[in-house]
Amino acid sequence: MSKEDRKKIPPGTIKEIGIAWTMPFELVVPMLAGGGIGYLIDRWSHTTPLFMLLLGFVGFGVGIRNMLKAVSTLDKTEKNGK
């Protein structure tokens, strides 16, 4: 990539692409971690998949919150930059 090509890329584009690539992980990883911990609790306590489902939904909520936080941070930096 030459210096002329780098000048054509808008300054915030790389950061936006990076945030877009992390979004699926921000949603899936907390949900899998919560479900996995719930699965271990269910095996330990010999219960139905109650804790797995409960903690999986909690993980999903945490993932949504993390995604919204990342988008709002990006939005704030975009407004301050303009």
Protein backbone atom coordinates (compact mmCIF):
# COMPACT_ATOMS: atom_id res chain seq x y z
CA MET A 1 0.00 0.00 0.00
CA SER A 2 1.52 3.28 -1.07
CA LYS A 3 1.32 6.56 0.79
CA GLU A 4 -1.26 7.83 -1.69
CA ASP A 5 -3.55 4.85 -1.01
CA ARG A 6 -3.33 5.41 2.75
CA LYS A 7 -4.42 9.01 2.32
CA LYS A 8 -7.64 7.87 0.63
CA ILE A 9 -8.82 5.87 3.67
CA PRO A 10 -10.93 8.04 6.01
CA PRO A 11 -9.37 8.32 9.48
CA GLY A 12 -12.10 6.52 11.47
CA THR A 13 -12.65 3.65 9.05
CA ILE A 14 -10.13 1.23 10.53
CA LYS A 15 -11.52 1.71 14.04
CA GLU A 16 -15.07 1.15 12.79
CA ILE A 17 -14.04 -2.04 10.98
CA GLY A 18 -12.32 -3.29 14.14
CA ILE A 19 -15.42 -2.67 16.23
CA ALA A 20 -17.61 -4.35 13.61
CA TRP A 21 -15.41 -7.47 13.69
CA THR A 22 -15.59 -7.69 17.49
CA MET A 23 -19.40 -7.38 17.65
CA PRO A 24 -20.21 -11.07 17.06
CA PHE A 25 -17.71 -12.08 19.73
CA GLU A 26 -19.14 -9.51 22.14
CA LEU A 27 -22.49 -11.26 21.83
CA VAL A 28 -21.56 -14.94 21.60
CA VAL A 29 -18.74 -15.29 24.14
CA PRO A 30 -20.68 -14.10 27.25
CA MET A 31 -23.63 -16.29 26.26
CA LEU A 32 -21.43 -19.38 25.87
CA ALA A 33 -19.57 -18.62 29.09
CA GLY A 34 -22.81 -18.21 31.03
CA GLY A 35 -24.28 -21.35 29.52
CA GLY A 36 -21.10 -23.30 30.23
CA ILE A 37 -21.00 -22.20 33.86
CA GLY A 38 -24.69 -23.02 34.15
CA TYR A 39 -24.06 -26.46 32.66
CA LEU A 40 -21.36 -27.13 35.26
CA ILE A 41 -23.66 -25.99 38.07
CA ASP A 42 -26.43 -28.24 36.73
CA ARG A 43 -24.11 -31.25 36.61
CA TRP A 44 -22.82 -30.54 40.12
CA SER A 45 -26.32 -30.12 41.60
CA HIS A 46 -27.95 -32.89 39.47
CA THR A 47 -30.70 -30.59 38.19
CA THR A 48 -32.38 -30.10 34.85
CA PRO A 49 -30.78 -27.52 32.53
CA LEU A 50 -32.27 -24.72 34.60
CA PHE A 51 -29.02 -22.89 35.39
CA MET A 52 -27.65 -23.43 31.90
CA LEU A 53 -30.64 -21.67 30.36
CA LEU A 54 -30.79 -18.98 33.04
CA LEU A 55 -27.11 -18.09 32.85
CA GLY A 56 -27.19 -18.36 29.06
CA PHE A 57 -29.90 -15.69 28.96
CA VAL A 58 -27.94 -13.56 31.43
CA GLY A 59 -24.90 -13.92 29.18
CA PHE A 60 -27.01 -12.88 26.20
CA GLY A 61 -28.09 -9.75 28.09
CA VAL A 62 -24.49 -8.97 28.99
CA GLY A 63 -23.49 -9.38 25.34
CA ILE A 64 -26.22 -7.01 24.17
CA ARG A 65 -25.15 -4.47 26.82
CA ASN A 66 -21.52 -4.72 25.67
CA MET A 67 -22.52 -4.24 22.04
CA LEU A 68 -24.61 -1.17 22.88
CA LYS A 69 -21.76 0.25 24.95
CA ALA A 70 -19.30 -0.18 22.07
CA VAL A 71 -21.69 1.44 19.59
CA SER A 72 -22.41 4.37 21.89
CA THR A 73 -18.68 4.91 22.45
CA LEU A 74 -18.12 4.89 18.71
CA ASP A 75 -21.00 7.32 18.23
CA LYS A 76 -19.59 9.71 20.85
CA THR A 77 -16.14 9.73 19.26
CA GLU A 78 -17.70 10.29 15.85
CA LYS A 79 -19.71 13.28 17.10
CA ASN A 80 -16.68 14.77 18.86
CA GLY A 81 -14.53 14.33 15.76
CA LYS A 82 -16.86 16.26 13.49
